[in-house]
Amino acid sequence: MSIEQSSTMAELVHLERADGVARIILDSPHNRNALSAQLRSELQVQLAVTLDDDDVRVIVLGHRGSVFCAGADLKEVGSVRTGVSAPEFTEILRAILHSPKPVVAQVEGPARAGGLGLIAACDITIGSSSATFALSEVRIGVVAAVISMTLLPRMLPHVAQELFLTGETFDASRAVEVGLLNRAVPPDEVSAEVDRYCKMLVRGAPGALASTKKMLASRGGQGIEEGFAEMEALSAAHFASDEGREGVAAFVDKREPNWIPH
């Protein structure tokens, strides 16, 4: 983002640092914290700043507004006739996954599609018991491809198959059962629970935490870089397909896509 742009556009991702904890806050309530080009760009920048700060020991990914993240900004997608920049979003997921510092997701509202990918990339995920979740990609004619790289290692395989194929909305209790969330707590207890985890994590030695994360990631089977490259291509192909264009247009126009039986 250029200096001229940043001076005229309200910041959508804020960074707050205190006591060894950096909080990266999504703040784009007008579009339900959707992954617009500006939000993705700012999120990349704030992640880089945080990772370069030796005083930061733990990163919290949170949000303002009632929704954690609605996934791709489909109005933006529809206007430019293309999908979310898969390589750019991959870089965000990669930065979180490969962060040598523990990353905690603080989820106090609904998450959809790419929002689930962000959550799953984090090491520890704390959610409100009132939050809901859905992998809604198939319902707009595209595939939850790139985010499968972070979701599938966390989720029970048979349930992942169900949720990826149906696009069904599920609640926080089920999110814990399937592995997306570590814990779901009452809405007024989320901040305290995140703080409790942060206090535990800062007690770990930075080098030991980084090595532990690297060790855990190395047990994952398929090389993650090869997987990301394959999923980027799959995502791009479906966003560019007839189904993908029709699904996005139907969402923007608030109508049913043409493949639904009448």
C-alpha atoms as a PDB file:
ATOM      1  CA  MET A   1       0.000   0.000   0.000  1.00  0.00           C
ATOM      2  CA  SER A   2       1.381   3.414  -0.980  1.00  0.00           C
ATOM      3  CA  ILE A   3       1.855   6.322   1.437  1.00  0.00           C
ATOM      4  CA  GLU A   4      -0.852   8.217  -0.445  1.00  0.00           C
ATOM      5  CA  GLN A   5      -3.318   5.358  -0.019  1.00  0.00           C
ATOM      6  CA  SER A   6      -2.573   4.841   3.665  1.00  0.00           C
ATOM      7  CA  SER A   7      -3.088   8.542   4.397  1.00  0.00           C
ATOM      8  CA  THR A   8      -6.594   8.588   2.919  1.00  0.00           C
ATOM      9  CA  MET A   9      -7.906   5.160   3.933  1.00  0.00           C
ATOM     10  CA  ALA A  10      -8.906   4.177   7.443  1.00  0.00           C
ATOM     11  CA  GLU A  11      -6.668   1.506   8.924  1.00  0.00           C
ATOM     12  CA  LEU A  12      -8.362  -1.911   8.934  1.00  0.00           C
ATOM     13  CA  VAL A  13      -5.797  -3.865  10.968  1.00  0.00           C
ATOM     14  CA  HIS A  14      -4.451  -2.470  14.234  1.00  0.00           C
ATOM     15  CA  LEU A  15      -1.427  -3.548  16.241  1.00  0.00           C
ATOM     16  CA  GLU A  16      -1.257  -3.180  20.019  1.00  0.00           C
ATOM     17  CA  ARG A  17       1.742  -4.303  22.084  1.00  0.00           C
ATOM     18  CA  ALA A  18       2.109  -4.642  25.852  1.00  0.00           C
ATOM     19  CA  ASP A  19       3.862  -6.980  28.305  1.00  0.00           C
ATOM     20  CA  GLY A  20       5.296  -9.224  25.601  1.00  0.00           C
ATOM     21  CA  VAL A  21       1.937  -9.758  23.870  1.00  0.00           C
ATOM     22  CA  ALA A  22       1.103  -8.293  20.455  1.00  0.00           C
ATOM     23  CA  ARG A  23      -2.561  -8.065  19.528  1.00  0.00           C
ATOM     24  CA  ILE A  24      -3.359  -7.879  15.824  1.00  0.00           C
ATOM     25  CA  ILE A  25      -6.938  -6.658  15.507  1.00  0.00           C
ATOM     26  CA  LEU A  26      -9.114  -6.949  12.391  1.00  0.00           C
ATOM     27  CA  ASP A  27     -11.274  -3.823  12.321  1.00  0.00           C
ATOM     28  CA  SER A  28     -13.409  -3.726   9.179  1.00  0.00           C
ATOM     29  CA  PRO A  29     -16.939  -4.084  10.560  1.00  0.00           C
ATOM     30  CA  HIS A  30     -18.574  -2.517   7.497  1.00  0.00           C
ATOM     31  CA  ASN A  31     -17.912  -5.761   5.577  1.00  0.00           C
ATOM     32  CA  ARG A  32     -17.814  -8.169   8.516  1.00  0.00           C
ATOM     33  CA  ASN A  33     -13.992  -8.200   8.563  1.00  0.00           C
ATOM     34  CA  ALA A  34     -13.968  -9.769   5.108  1.00  0.00           C
ATOM     35  CA  LEU A  35     -10.606 -10.384   3.475  1.00  0.00           C
ATOM     36  CA  SER A  36     -10.501  -7.330   1.220  1.00  0.00           C
ATOM     37  CA  ALA A  37      -7.307  -6.386  -0.587  1.00  0.00           C
ATOM     38  CA  GLN A  38      -6.641  -3.621   1.942  1.00  0.00           C
ATOM     39  CA  LEU A  39      -7.205  -5.864   4.947  1.00  0.00           C
ATOM     40  CA  ARG A  40      -4.967  -8.594   3.526  1.00  0.00           C
ATOM     41  CA  SER A  41      -2.216  -6.089   2.789  1.00  0.00           C
ATOM     42  CA  GLU A  42      -2.361  -4.551   6.256  1.00  0.00           C
ATOM     43  CA  LEU A  43      -2.527  -7.947   7.946  1.00  0.00           C
ATOM     44  CA  GLN A  44       0.644  -9.001   6.130  1.00  0.00           C
ATOM     45  CA  VAL A  45       2.404  -5.816   7.251  1.00  0.00           C
ATOM     46  CA  GLN A  46       1.341  -6.127  10.887  1.00  0.00           C
ATOM     47  CA  LEU A  47       2.365  -9.776  11.023  1.00  0.00           C
ATOM     48  CA  ALA A  48       5.804  -8.878   9.649  1.00  0.00           C
ATOM     49  CA  VAL A  49       6.226  -6.027  12.141  1.00  0.00           C
ATOM     50  CA  THR A  50       5.235  -8.311  15.006  1.00  0.00           C
ATOM     51  CA  LEU A  51       7.512 -11.151  13.967  1.00  0.00           C
ATOM     52  CA  ASP A  52      10.468  -8.743  13.750  1.00  0.00           C
ATOM     53  CA  ASP A  53       9.883  -7.372  17.258  1.00  0.00           C
ATOM     54  CA  ASP A  54      12.078  -9.265  19.733  1.00  0.00           C
ATOM     55  CA  ASP A  55      10.044  -7.909  22.645  1.00  0.00           C
ATOM     56  CA  VAL A  56       6.942  -9.732  21.415  1.00  0.00           C
ATOM     57  CA  ARG A  57       6.638 -13.229  22.842  1.00  0.00           C
ATOM     58  CA  VAL A  58       3.033 -14.108  21.948  1.00  0.00           C
ATOM     59  CA  ILE A  59       0.710 -12.941  19.155  1.00  0.00           C
ATOM     60  CA  VAL A  60      -3.071 -12.699  19.530  1.00  0.00           C
ATOM     61  CA  LEU A  61      -5.225 -12.484  16.398  1.00  0.00           C
ATOM     62  CA  GLY A  62      -8.522 -10.843  17.322  1.00  0.00           C
ATOM     63  CA  HIS A  63     -11.192  -8.568  15.925  1.00  0.00           C
ATOM     64  CA  ARG A  64     -13.532  -5.664  16.524  1.00  0.00           C
ATOM     65  CA  GLY A  65     -17.172  -5.818  15.555  1.00  0.00           C
ATOM     66  CA  SER A  66     -19.583  -8.697  15.868  1.00  0.00           C
ATOM     67  CA  VAL A  67     -17.944 -10.956  13.239  1.00  0.00           C
ATOM     68  CA  PHE A  68     -14.462 -12.466  13.395  1.00  0.00           C
ATOM     69  CA  CYS A  69     -14.057 -12.822   9.623  1.00  0.00           C
ATOM     70  CA  ALA A  70     -16.573 -13.428   6.833  1.00  0.00           C
ATOM     71  CA  GLY A  71     -13.987 -14.861   4.427  1.00  0.00           C
ATOM     72  CA  ALA A  72     -13.393 -13.383   0.988  1.00  0.00           C
ATOM     73  CA  ASP A  73     -14.866  -9.966   0.269  1.00  0.00           C
ATOM     74  CA  LEU A  74     -17.252 -11.224  -2.415  1.00  0.00           C
ATOM     75  CA  LYS A  75     -18.422  -7.750  -3.405  1.00  0.00           C
ATOM     76  CA  GLU A  76     -14.816  -6.897  -4.177  1.00  0.00           C
ATOM     77  CA  VAL A  77     -14.354 -10.255  -5.897  1.00  0.00           C
ATOM     78  CA  GLY A  78     -17.446  -9.661  -8.033  1.00  0.00           C
ATOM     79  CA  SER A  79     -16.366  -6.166  -9.019  1.00  0.00           C
ATOM     80  CA  VAL A  80     -12.999  -7.310 -10.342  1.00  0.00           C
ATOM     81  CA  ARG A  81     -14.215 -10.701 -11.614  1.00  0.00           C
ATOM     82  CA  THR A  82     -11.505 -12.603  -9.812  1.00  0.00           C
ATOM     83  CA  GLY A  83     -10.968 -14.412  -6.532  1.00  0.00           C
ATOM     84  CA  VAL A  84      -8.970 -13.616  -3.445  1.00  0.00           C
ATOM     85  CA  SER A  85      -5.303 -13.456  -4.385  1.00  0.00           C
ATOM     86  CA  ALA A  86      -4.398 -17.011  -3.396  1.00  0.00           C
ATOM     87  CA  PRO A  87      -0.623 -16.363  -3.203  1.00  0.00           C
ATOM     88  CA  GLU A  88      -1.212 -13.316  -0.976  1.00  0.00           C
ATOM     89  CA  PHE A  89      -3.573 -15.151   1.366  1.00  0.00           C
ATOM     90  CA  THR A  90      -1.206 -18.117   1.394  1.00  0.00           C
ATOM     91  CA  GLU A  91       1.544 -15.788   2.600  1.00  0.00           C
ATOM     92  CA  ILE A  92      -0.652 -14.716   5.515  1.00  0.00           C
ATOM     93  CA  LEU A  93      -1.403 -18.311   6.487  1.00  0.00           C
ATOM     94  CA  ARG A  94       2.239 -19.239   6.028  1.00  0.00           C
ATOM     95  CA  ALA A  95       3.383 -16.356   8.259  1.00  0.00           C
ATOM     96  CA  ILE A  96       1.074 -17.519  11.045  1.00  0.00           C
ATOM     97  CA  LEU A  97       1.952 -21.197  10.661  1.00  0.00           C
ATOM     98  CA  HIS A  98       5.700 -20.573  10.532  1.00  0.00           C
ATOM     99  CA  SER A  99       5.734 -17.912  13.241  1.00  0.00           C
ATOM    100  CA  PRO A 100       8.360 -18.863  15.823  1.00  0.00           C
ATOM    101  CA  LYS A 101       6.116 -17.162  18.374  1.00  0.00           C
ATOM    102  CA  PRO A 102       2.880 -18.809  19.536  1.00  0.00           C
ATOM    103  CA  VAL A 103      -0.236 -17.351  17.901  1.00  0.00           C
ATOM    104  CA  VAL A 104      -3.582 -17.359  19.722  1.00  0.00           C
ATOM    105  CA  ALA A 105      -6.905 -16.780  17.918  1.00  0.00           C
ATOM    106  CA  GLN A 106      -9.481 -14.787  19.889  1.00  0.00           C
ATOM    107  CA  VAL A 107     -12.802 -15.515  18.175  1.00  0.00           C
ATOM    108  CA  GLU A 108     -15.731 -13.567  19.597  1.00  0.00           C
ATOM    109  CA  GLY A 109     -18.116 -13.821  16.649  1.00  0.00           C
ATOM    110  CA  PRO A 110     -18.985 -15.827  13.542  1.00  0.00           C
ATOM    111  CA  ALA A 111     -16.338 -17.002  11.091  1.00  0.00           C
ATOM    112  CA  ARG A 112     -16.891 -18.175   7.553  1.00  0.00           C
ATOM    113  CA  ALA A 113     -14.752 -19.661   4.785  1.00  0.00           C
ATOM    114  CA  GLY A 114     -11.306 -17.991   4.825  1.00  0.00           C
ATOM    115  CA  GLY A 115     -11.921 -16.861   8.389  1.00  0.00           C
ATOM    116  CA  LEU A 116     -11.760 -20.509   9.432  1.00  0.00           C
ATOM    117  CA  GLY A 117      -8.434 -20.805   7.640  1.00  0.00           C
ATOM    118  CA  LEU A 118      -7.036 -17.957   9.731  1.00  0.00           C
ATOM    119  CA  ILE A 119      -8.271 -19.577  12.942  1.00  0.00           C
ATOM    120  CA  ALA A 120      -6.846 -22.971  12.038  1.00  0.00           C
ATOM    121  CA  ALA A 121      -3.429 -21.492  11.245  1.00  0.00           C
ATOM    122  CA  CYS A 122      -3.094 -20.345  14.866  1.00  0.00           C
ATOM    123  CA  ASP A 123      -1.542 -22.526  17.550  1.00  0.00           C
ATOM    124  CA  ILE A 124      -4.262 -22.065  20.174  1.00  0.00           C
ATOM    125  CA  THR A 125      -7.828 -21.089  19.368  1.00  0.00           C
ATOM    126  CA  ILE A 126     -10.252 -19.645  21.911  1.00  0.00           C
ATOM    127  CA  GLY A 127     -13.825 -18.897  20.897  1.00  0.00           C
ATOM    128  CA  SER A 128     -17.050 -17.542  22.279  1.00  0.00           C
ATOM    129  CA  SER A 129     -19.715 -20.163  22.912  1.00  0.00           C
ATOM    130  CA  SER A 130     -22.048 -18.008  20.807  1.00  0.00           C
ATOM    131  CA  ALA A 131     -19.810 -18.027  17.706  1.00  0.00           C
ATOM    132  CA  THR A 132     -20.778 -19.978  14.594  1.00  0.00           C
ATOM    133  CA  PHE A 133     -18.719 -21.347  11.737  1.00  0.00           C
ATOM    134  CA  ALA A 134     -19.193 -22.560   8.154  1.00  0.00           C
ATOM    135  CA  LEU A 135     -17.148 -23.654   5.180  1.00  0.00           C
ATOM    136  CA  SER A 136     -19.555 -22.109   2.710  1.00  0.00           C
ATOM    137  CA  GLU A 137     -17.378 -22.176  -0.433  1.00  0.00           C
ATOM    138  CA  VAL A 138     -19.247 -24.943  -2.275  1.00  0.00           C
ATOM    139  CA  ARG A 139     -22.445 -22.931  -1.986  1.00  0.00           C
ATOM    140  CA  ILE A 140     -20.967 -20.203  -4.187  1.00  0.00           C
ATOM    141  CA  GLY A 141     -19.349 -22.603  -6.618  1.00  0.00           C
ATOM    142  CA  VAL A 142     -15.762 -22.549  -5.383  1.00  0.00           C
ATOM    143  CA  VAL A 143     -13.518 -24.805  -3.292  1.00  0.00           C
ATOM    144  CA  ALA A 144     -12.101 -24.297   0.205  1.00  0.00           C
ATOM    145  CA  ALA A 145      -8.715 -25.191  -1.204  1.00  0.00           C
ATOM    146  CA  VAL A 146      -6.006 -22.972   0.292  1.00  0.00           C
ATOM    147  CA  ILE A 147      -7.527 -23.030   3.773  1.00  0.00           C
ATOM    148  CA  SER A 148      -7.656 -26.830   3.680  1.00  0.00           C
ATOM    149  CA  MET A 149      -3.914 -26.691   4.324  1.00  0.00           C
ATOM    150  CA  THR A 150      -4.515 -25.284   7.800  1.00  0.00           C
ATOM    151  CA  LEU A 151      -7.891 -26.885   8.535  1.00  0.00           C
ATOM    152  CA  LEU A 152      -7.321 -30.531   7.655  1.00  0.00           C
ATOM    153  CA  PRO A 153      -4.422 -31.067  10.094  1.00  0.00           C
ATOM    154  CA  ARG A 154      -6.669 -29.826  12.938  1.00  0.00           C
ATOM    155  CA  MET A 155     -10.021 -31.407  12.107  1.00  0.00           C
ATOM    156  CA  LEU A 156     -11.295 -34.957  12.413  1.00  0.00           C
ATOM    157  CA  PRO A 157     -11.152 -36.328   8.849  1.00  0.00           C
ATOM    158  CA  HIS A 158     -14.706 -37.676   8.601  1.00  0.00           C
ATOM    159  CA  VAL A 159     -16.186 -34.464  10.017  1.00  0.00           C
ATOM    160  CA  ALA A 160     -14.023 -32.304   7.736  1.00  0.00           C
ATOM    161  CA  GLN A 161     -15.418 -34.239   4.793  1.00  0.00           C
ATOM    162  CA  GLU A 162     -18.963 -33.529   5.966  1.00  0.00           C
ATOM    163  CA  LEU A 163     -18.439 -29.819   6.652  1.00  0.00           C
ATOM    164  CA  PHE A 164     -16.419 -29.090   3.496  1.00  0.00           C
ATOM    165  CA  LEU A 165     -19.075 -30.779   1.322  1.00  0.00           C
ATOM    166  CA  THR A 166     -22.272 -29.500   2.959  1.00  0.00           C
ATOM    167  CA  GLY A 167     -21.298 -25.944   3.896  1.00  0.00           C
ATOM    168  CA  GLU A 168     -23.463 -26.418   7.000  1.00  0.00           C
ATOM    169  CA  THR A 169     -23.217 -23.865   9.801  1.00  0.00           C
ATOM    170  CA  PHE A 170     -21.977 -25.344  13.085  1.00  0.00           C
ATOM    171  CA  ASP A 171     -21.676 -23.977  16.595  1.00  0.00           C
ATOM    172  CA  ALA A 172     -18.757 -23.487  18.950  1.00  0.00           C
ATOM    173  CA  SER A 173     -19.352 -26.731  20.815  1.00  0.00           C
ATOM    174  CA  ARG A 174     -18.973 -28.686  17.610  1.00  0.00           C
ATOM    175  CA  ALA A 175     -15.961 -26.566  16.638  1.00  0.00           C
ATOM    176  CA  VAL A 176     -14.276 -27.839  19.808  1.00  0.00           C
ATOM    177  CA  GLU A 177     -15.338 -31.432  19.100  1.00  0.00           C
ATOM    178  CA  VAL A 178     -13.872 -31.401  15.580  1.00  0.00           C
ATOM    179  CA  GLY A 179     -10.637 -29.655  16.624  1.00  0.00           C
ATOM    180  CA  LEU A 180     -11.085 -26.163  15.154  1.00  0.00           C
ATOM    181  CA  LEU A 181     -11.276 -24.553  18.608  1.00  0.00           C
ATOM    182  CA  ASN A 182      -9.242 -25.529  21.645  1.00  0.00           C
ATOM    183  CA  ARG A 183     -11.837 -24.048  23.971  1.00  0.00           C
ATOM    184  CA  ALA A 184     -15.237 -22.360  23.802  1.00  0.00           C
ATOM    185  CA  VAL A 185     -16.205 -20.190  26.760  1.00  0.00           C
ATOM    186  CA  PRO A 186     -19.079 -17.818  27.529  1.00  0.00           C
ATOM    187  CA  PRO A 187     -18.841 -14.530  25.604  1.00  0.00           C
ATOM    188  CA  ASP A 188     -17.867 -12.487  28.661  1.00  0.00           C
ATOM    189  CA  GLU A 189     -15.014 -14.866  29.489  1.00  0.00           C
ATOM    190  CA  VAL A 190     -13.184 -14.958  26.150  1.00  0.00           C
ATOM    191  CA  SER A 191     -10.745 -12.131  26.887  1.00  0.00           C
ATOM    192  CA  ALA A 192      -9.854 -13.555  30.297  1.00  0.00           C
ATOM    193  CA  GLU A 193      -9.285 -17.009  28.822  1.00  0.00           C
ATOM    194  CA  VAL A 194      -7.025 -15.617  26.110  1.00  0.00           C
ATOM    195  CA  ASP A 195      -5.082 -13.686  28.759  1.00  0.00           C
ATOM    196  CA  ARG A 196      -4.728 -16.884  30.798  1.00  0.00           C
ATOM    197  CA  TYR A 197      -3.132 -18.657  27.828  1.00  0.00           C
ATOM    198  CA  CYS A 198      -0.875 -15.702  27.066  1.00  0.00           C
ATOM    199  CA  LYS A 199       0.433 -15.733  30.633  1.00  0.00           C
ATOM    200  CA  MET A 200       1.275 -19.422  30.279  1.00  0.00           C
ATOM    201  CA  LEU A 201       2.925 -18.976  26.887  1.00  0.00           C
ATOM    202  CA  VAL A 202       5.213 -16.103  27.922  1.00  0.00           C
ATOM    203  CA  ARG A 203       6.665 -18.411  30.559  1.00  0.00           C
ATOM    204  CA  GLY A 204       8.140 -20.560  27.785  1.00  0.00           C
ATOM    205  CA  ALA A 205      11.651 -19.809  26.546  1.00  0.00           C
ATOM    206  CA  PRO A 206      11.469 -18.159  23.094  1.00  0.00           C
ATOM    207  CA  GLY A 207      13.973 -20.534  21.521  1.00  0.00           C
ATOM    208  CA  ALA A 208      12.300 -23.587  23.006  1.00  0.00           C
ATOM    209  CA  LEU A 209       8.879 -22.434  21.836  1.00  0.00           C
ATOM    210  CA  ALA A 210      10.183 -21.827  18.302  1.00  0.00           C
ATOM    211  CA  SER A 211      11.848 -25.233  18.166  1.00  0.00           C
ATOM    212  CA  THR A 212       8.738 -26.917  19.557  1.00  0.00           C
ATOM    213  CA  LYS A 213       6.578 -25.299  16.857  1.00  0.00           C
ATOM    214  CA  LYS A 214       9.031 -26.403  14.163  1.00  0.00           C
ATOM    215  CA  MET A 215       9.076 -29.938  15.547  1.00  0.00           C
ATOM    216  CA  LEU A 216       5.289 -30.174  15.613  1.00  0.00           C
ATOM    217  CA  ALA A 217       4.982 -28.811  12.064  1.00  0.00           C
ATOM    218  CA  SER A 218       7.483 -31.352  10.742  1.00  0.00           C
ATOM    219  CA  ARG A 219       5.202 -34.224  11.771  1.00  0.00           C
ATOM    220  CA  GLY A 220       2.506 -33.222   9.295  1.00  0.00           C
ATOM    221  CA  GLY A 221       3.176 -35.579   6.388  1.00  0.00           C
ATOM    222  CA  GLN A 222       2.820 -33.884   2.972  1.00  0.00           C
ATOM    223  CA  GLY A 223       5.187 -30.969   2.486  1.00  0.00           C
ATOM    224  CA  ILE A 224       3.200 -27.861   3.255  1.00  0.00           C
ATOM    225  CA  GLU A 225       4.813 -25.792   0.495  1.00  0.00           C
ATOM    226  CA  GLU A 226       3.890 -28.345  -2.161  1.00  0.00           C
ATOM    227  CA  GLY A 227       0.395 -28.500  -0.719  1.00  0.00           C
ATOM    228  CA  PHE A 228      -0.062 -24.728  -0.760  1.00  0.00           C
ATOM    229  CA  ALA A 229       1.061 -24.507  -4.406  1.00  0.00           C
ATOM    230  CA  GLU A 230      -1.417 -27.185  -5.444  1.00  0.00           C
ATOM    231  CA  MET A 231      -4.284 -25.601  -3.488  1.00  0.00           C
ATOM    232  CA  GLU A 232      -3.569 -22.112  -4.868  1.00  0.00           C
ATOM    233  CA  ALA A 233      -3.990 -23.492  -8.391  1.00  0.00           C
ATOM    234  CA  LEU A 234      -7.198 -25.308  -7.462  1.00  0.00           C
ATOM    235  CA  SER A 235      -8.682 -22.224  -5.795  1.00  0.00           C
ATOM    236  CA  ALA A 236      -7.831 -19.960  -8.724  1.00  0.00           C
ATOM    237  CA  ALA A 237      -9.321 -22.405 -11.225  1.00  0.00           C
ATOM    238  CA  HIS A 238     -12.652 -22.546  -9.415  1.00  0.00           C
ATOM    239  CA  PHE A 239     -12.941 -18.795  -8.847  1.00  0.00           C
ATOM    240  CA  ALA A 240     -12.387 -18.361 -12.610  1.00  0.00           C
ATOM    241  CA  SER A 241     -14.850 -21.108 -13.564  1.00  0.00           C
ATOM    242  CA  ASP A 242     -18.424 -20.572 -14.780  1.00  0.00           C
ATOM    243  CA  GLU A 243     -19.694 -21.864 -11.422  1.00  0.00           C
ATOM    244  CA  GLY A 244     -17.428 -19.581  -9.443  1.00  0.00           C
ATOM    245  CA  ARG A 245     -18.430 -16.493 -11.413  1.00  0.00           C
ATOM    246  CA  GLU A 246     -22.124 -17.386 -11.120  1.00  0.00           C
ATOM    247  CA  GLY A 247     -21.853 -18.115  -7.391  1.00  0.00           C
ATOM    248  CA  VAL A 248     -20.134 -14.840  -6.580  1.00  0.00           C
ATOM    249  CA  ALA A 249     -22.582 -12.886  -8.760  1.00  0.00           C
ATOM    250  CA  ALA A 250     -25.537 -14.580  -7.054  1.00  0.00           C
ATOM    251  CA  PHE A 251     -24.159 -13.733  -3.617  1.00  0.00           C
ATOM    252  CA  VAL A 252     -23.628 -10.082  -4.546  1.00  0.00           C
ATOM    253  CA  ASP A 253     -27.075  -9.891  -6.187  1.00  0.00           C
ATOM    254  CA  LYS A 254     -28.712 -11.631  -3.197  1.00  0.00           C
ATOM    255  CA  ARG A 255     -30.273 -14.380  -5.303  1.00  0.00           C
ATOM    256  CA  GLU A 256     -29.986 -18.146  -5.606  1.00  0.00           C
ATOM    257  CA  PRO A 257     -27.263 -19.412  -7.961  1.00  0.00           C
ATOM    258  CA  ASN A 258     -28.492 -21.057 -11.149  1.00  0.00           C
ATOM    259  CA  TRP A 259     -27.533 -24.589 -10.127  1.00  0.00           C
ATOM    260  CA  ILE A 260     -30.076 -24.812  -7.292  1.00  0.00           C
ATOM    261  CA  PRO A 261     -33.131 -26.866  -8.437  1.00  0.00           C
ATOM    262  CA  HIS A 262     -36.355 -24.869  -8.728  1.00  0.00           C
END
